[in-house]
Protein backbone atom coordinates (compact mmCIF):
# COMPACT_ATOMS: atom_id res chain seq x y z
CA MET A 1 -15.95 -10.44 -25.96
CA GLU A 2 -16.14 -11.90 -29.45
CA VAL A 3 -12.58 -11.08 -30.16
CA ALA A 4 -11.39 -12.86 -27.03
CA VAL A 5 -13.41 -15.97 -27.87
CA LEU A 6 -12.34 -16.07 -31.50
CA LYS A 7 -8.73 -15.76 -30.45
CA ALA A 8 -9.17 -18.71 -28.04
CA LEU A 9 -10.70 -20.83 -30.76
CA SER A 10 -8.10 -19.97 -33.43
CA LYS A 11 -6.77 -22.95 -35.45
CA GLN A 12 -3.26 -21.52 -35.31
CA ARG A 13 -1.68 -22.15 -31.94
CA ALA A 14 0.47 -19.02 -32.18
CA GLU A 15 -2.72 -16.88 -32.50
CA ARG A 16 -4.29 -18.25 -29.38
CA HIS A 17 -4.10 -16.80 -25.84
CA ALA A 18 -0.85 -17.80 -24.11
CA SER A 19 -2.74 -19.31 -21.21
CA VAL A 20 -6.16 -19.85 -19.70
CA GLU A 21 -5.36 -16.89 -17.45
CA ALA A 22 -4.69 -14.67 -20.46
CA PHE A 23 -7.96 -15.75 -21.93
CA VAL A 24 -9.86 -15.05 -18.65
CA LEU A 25 -8.17 -11.56 -18.51
CA ALA A 26 -9.30 -10.89 -22.06
CA LEU A 27 -12.83 -11.88 -21.25
CA ARG A 28 -12.82 -9.83 -18.07
CA GLU A 29 -11.66 -6.80 -20.09
CA ALA A 30 -14.37 -7.38 -22.63
CA PHE A 31 -17.07 -7.37 -19.93
CA ALA A 32 -15.39 -4.48 -18.08
CA GLN A 33 -15.48 -6.38 -14.82
CA PRO A 34 -13.03 -5.33 -12.18
CA PRO A 35 -10.13 -7.66 -11.95
CA LEU A 36 -9.31 -9.80 -8.87
CA ALA A 37 -7.33 -7.99 -6.25
CA PRO A 38 -3.59 -8.97 -6.66
CA THR A 39 -3.61 -10.23 -3.09
CA SER A 40 -6.48 -12.65 -3.63
CA PRO A 41 -5.51 -16.33 -3.51
CA ALA A 42 -6.60 -16.85 -7.09
CA ILE A 43 -3.96 -14.42 -8.41
CA ALA A 44 -1.33 -14.86 -5.70
CA SER A 45 -1.18 -18.60 -6.21
CA ARG A 46 -0.26 -18.48 -9.88
CA SER A 47 2.70 -17.06 -11.68
CA ASN A 48 1.51 -14.00 -13.69
CA THR A 49 3.55 -12.33 -16.40
CA LYS A 50 4.58 -8.76 -15.98
CA GLU A 51 2.02 -7.77 -18.65
CA GLU A 52 -0.74 -9.39 -16.65
CA TRP A 53 0.34 -7.66 -13.43
CA PHE A 54 0.69 -4.33 -15.33
CA SER A 55 -2.83 -4.72 -16.65
CA VAL A 56 -4.21 -5.60 -13.21
CA GLY A 57 -2.43 -2.50 -11.74
CA ARG A 58 -3.90 -0.23 -14.50
CA ASP A 59 -7.42 -1.65 -13.91
CA HIS A 60 -7.09 -1.04 -10.16
CA GLN A 61 -5.79 2.49 -10.81
CA LYS A 62 -8.70 3.26 -13.16
CA ALA A 63 -11.06 2.06 -10.40
CA LYS A 64 -9.24 4.31 -7.93
CA ARG A 65 -8.04 1.35 -5.89
CA TYR A 66 -4.59 2.77 -5.55
CA GLU A 67 -3.17 0.45 -2.87
CA GLU A 68 -4.16 -2.59 -4.91
CA ALA A 69 -2.63 -0.86 -7.98
CA LEU A 70 0.65 -0.36 -6.07
CA ALA A 71 0.77 -4.03 -5.06
CA ALA A 72 0.37 -5.02 -8.76
CA TYR A 73 3.07 -2.59 -9.85
CA ASP A 74 5.41 -3.94 -7.25
CA GLN A 75 4.90 -7.39 -8.77
CA VAL A 76 5.82 -6.02 -12.19
CA ILE A 77 8.96 -4.38 -10.75
CA ARG A 78 9.86 -7.70 -9.09
CA LEU A 79 9.62 -9.39 -12.44
CA ASP A 80 11.24 -6.51 -14.41
CA PRO A 81 12.95 -3.79 -12.43
CA ASN A 82 13.80 -1.92 -15.63
CA ASP A 83 10.26 -1.08 -16.73
CA ALA A 84 9.93 2.68 -16.84
CA ASP A 85 6.15 2.65 -17.56
CA THR A 86 5.61 0.70 -14.30
CA TYR A 87 7.53 3.18 -12.22
CA ASN A 88 5.61 6.01 -13.84
CA ASN A 89 2.29 4.33 -13.16
CA LYS A 90 3.39 3.55 -9.61
CA GLY A 91 4.16 7.27 -9.21
CA ASN A 92 0.71 8.22 -10.40
CA ALA A 93 -0.89 5.82 -7.86
CA LEU A 94 1.36 7.17 -5.02
CA ASN A 95 0.49 10.75 -6.08
CA ALA A 96 -3.17 9.98 -6.01
CA LEU A 97 -2.65 8.75 -2.43
CA LYS A 98 -0.83 12.07 -1.64
CA ARG A 99 2.39 10.13 -1.00
CA ASN A 100 4.21 12.77 -3.00
CA GLU A 101 7.75 12.09 -1.92
CA GLU A 102 7.42 8.36 -2.89
CA ALA A 103 5.78 9.41 -6.19
CA LEU A 104 8.74 11.65 -6.84
CA ALA A 105 11.13 8.76 -6.33
CA ALA A 106 9.12 6.51 -8.67
CA TYR A 107 9.15 9.21 -11.40
CA ASP A 108 12.87 9.76 -10.92
CA GLN A 109 13.44 5.98 -11.42
CA ALA A 110 11.25 6.05 -14.56
CA ILE A 111 13.29 8.91 -15.92
CA ARG A 112 16.59 7.14 -14.97
CA LEU A 113 15.45 4.12 -16.90
CA ASN A 114 14.25 6.17 -19.90
CA PRO A 115 15.72 9.69 -19.97
CA ARG A 116 13.45 10.57 -22.91
CA TYR A 117 10.30 9.80 -20.99
CA ALA A 118 8.45 13.15 -21.33
CA TYR A 119 5.30 11.98 -19.59
CA ALA A 120 7.27 10.93 -16.44
CA CYS A 121 8.93 14.37 -16.45
CA ASN A 122 5.49 16.01 -16.55
CA ASN A 123 4.26 13.79 -13.70
CA LYS A 124 7.32 14.60 -11.76
CA GLY A 125 6.46 18.24 -12.16
CA VAL A 126 2.93 17.51 -10.80
CA ALA A 127 4.41 15.77 -7.69
CA LEU A 128 6.88 18.67 -7.16
CA ASN A 129 4.02 21.18 -7.51
CA ASP A 130 1.98 19.26 -4.94
CA LEU A 131 5.01 19.52 -2.61
CA LYS A 132 5.10 23.29 -3.30
CA ARG A 133 8.55 22.98 -4.85
CA TYR A 134 7.67 25.21 -7.70
CA GLU A 135 11.09 26.00 -9.18
CA GLU A 136 11.89 22.28 -9.39
CA ALA A 137 8.45 21.66 -10.88
CA LEU A 138 9.05 24.23 -13.50
CA ALA A 139 12.40 22.64 -14.39
CA ALA A 140 10.57 19.25 -14.69
CA TYR A 141 8.03 20.80 -17.00
CA ASP A 142 10.70 22.44 -19.06
CA GLN A 143 12.43 19.12 -19.49
CA ALA A 144 9.12 17.48 -20.51
CA ILE A 145 8.53 20.26 -23.10
CA ARG A 146 12.06 19.75 -24.52
CA LEU A 147 11.33 16.07 -24.96
CA ASP A 148 7.80 16.48 -26.28
CA PRO A 149 6.98 20.02 -27.37
CA ASN A 150 3.47 18.97 -28.49
CA ASP A 151 2.14 17.82 -25.08
CA ALA A 152 -0.60 20.31 -24.19
CA ASP A 153 -0.88 18.90 -20.58
CA THR A 154 2.66 19.97 -19.74
CA TYR A 155 2.14 23.52 -21.00
CA TYR A 156 -1.17 23.64 -18.98
CA ASN A 157 0.62 22.46 -15.81
CA LYS A 158 3.47 24.87 -16.29
CA GLY A 159 1.02 27.70 -16.89
CA ASN A 160 -0.85 26.96 -13.68
CA ILE A 161 2.35 27.11 -11.62
CA LEU A 162 3.29 30.40 -13.23
CA ARG A 163 -0.13 31.88 -12.73
CA TYR A 164 -0.73 30.85 -9.14
CA ALA A 165 2.79 30.75 -7.76
CA LEU A 166 3.75 34.15 -9.25
CA LYS A 167 0.69 35.61 -7.53
CA ARG A 168 2.12 34.41 -4.22
CA ASN A 169 5.76 35.46 -5.22
CA GLU A 170 6.87 31.83 -4.68
CA VAL A 171 8.69 31.38 -7.97
């Protein structure tokens, strides 16, 4: 909280929060209070930046409010349709809701926007695994490993497919 207040009181205008809303968001983060739902009149009536909407989406996602997270991510996409991170996070929210085909489309868009996005490739593998499309999931994990050979999560995910799917002769 102290950092948010000191930034608001800075003598240098460039070092202050960009707006009152940005200051309030910083205070809310400091107190770890859940953000307002993106559909609430307080948020819907003002023009948020893509960064503010992204932060709202992340906060909702952390709180397992996936529908609200999706609404916030859709606002980011409306403001910047070329943000790969937003499509990746949208895919994660959709995947949590078991809307795996939609999640897959979001991950594919993230990868189209940033072909070197290893984390989106890994997440695509998770969605494909959930859809029992094991060979495609393995290909997505292999792509993620080529892009980031140090990501342990991808190796773990690939190992799980190999262990379980091979037992069922599905790969």
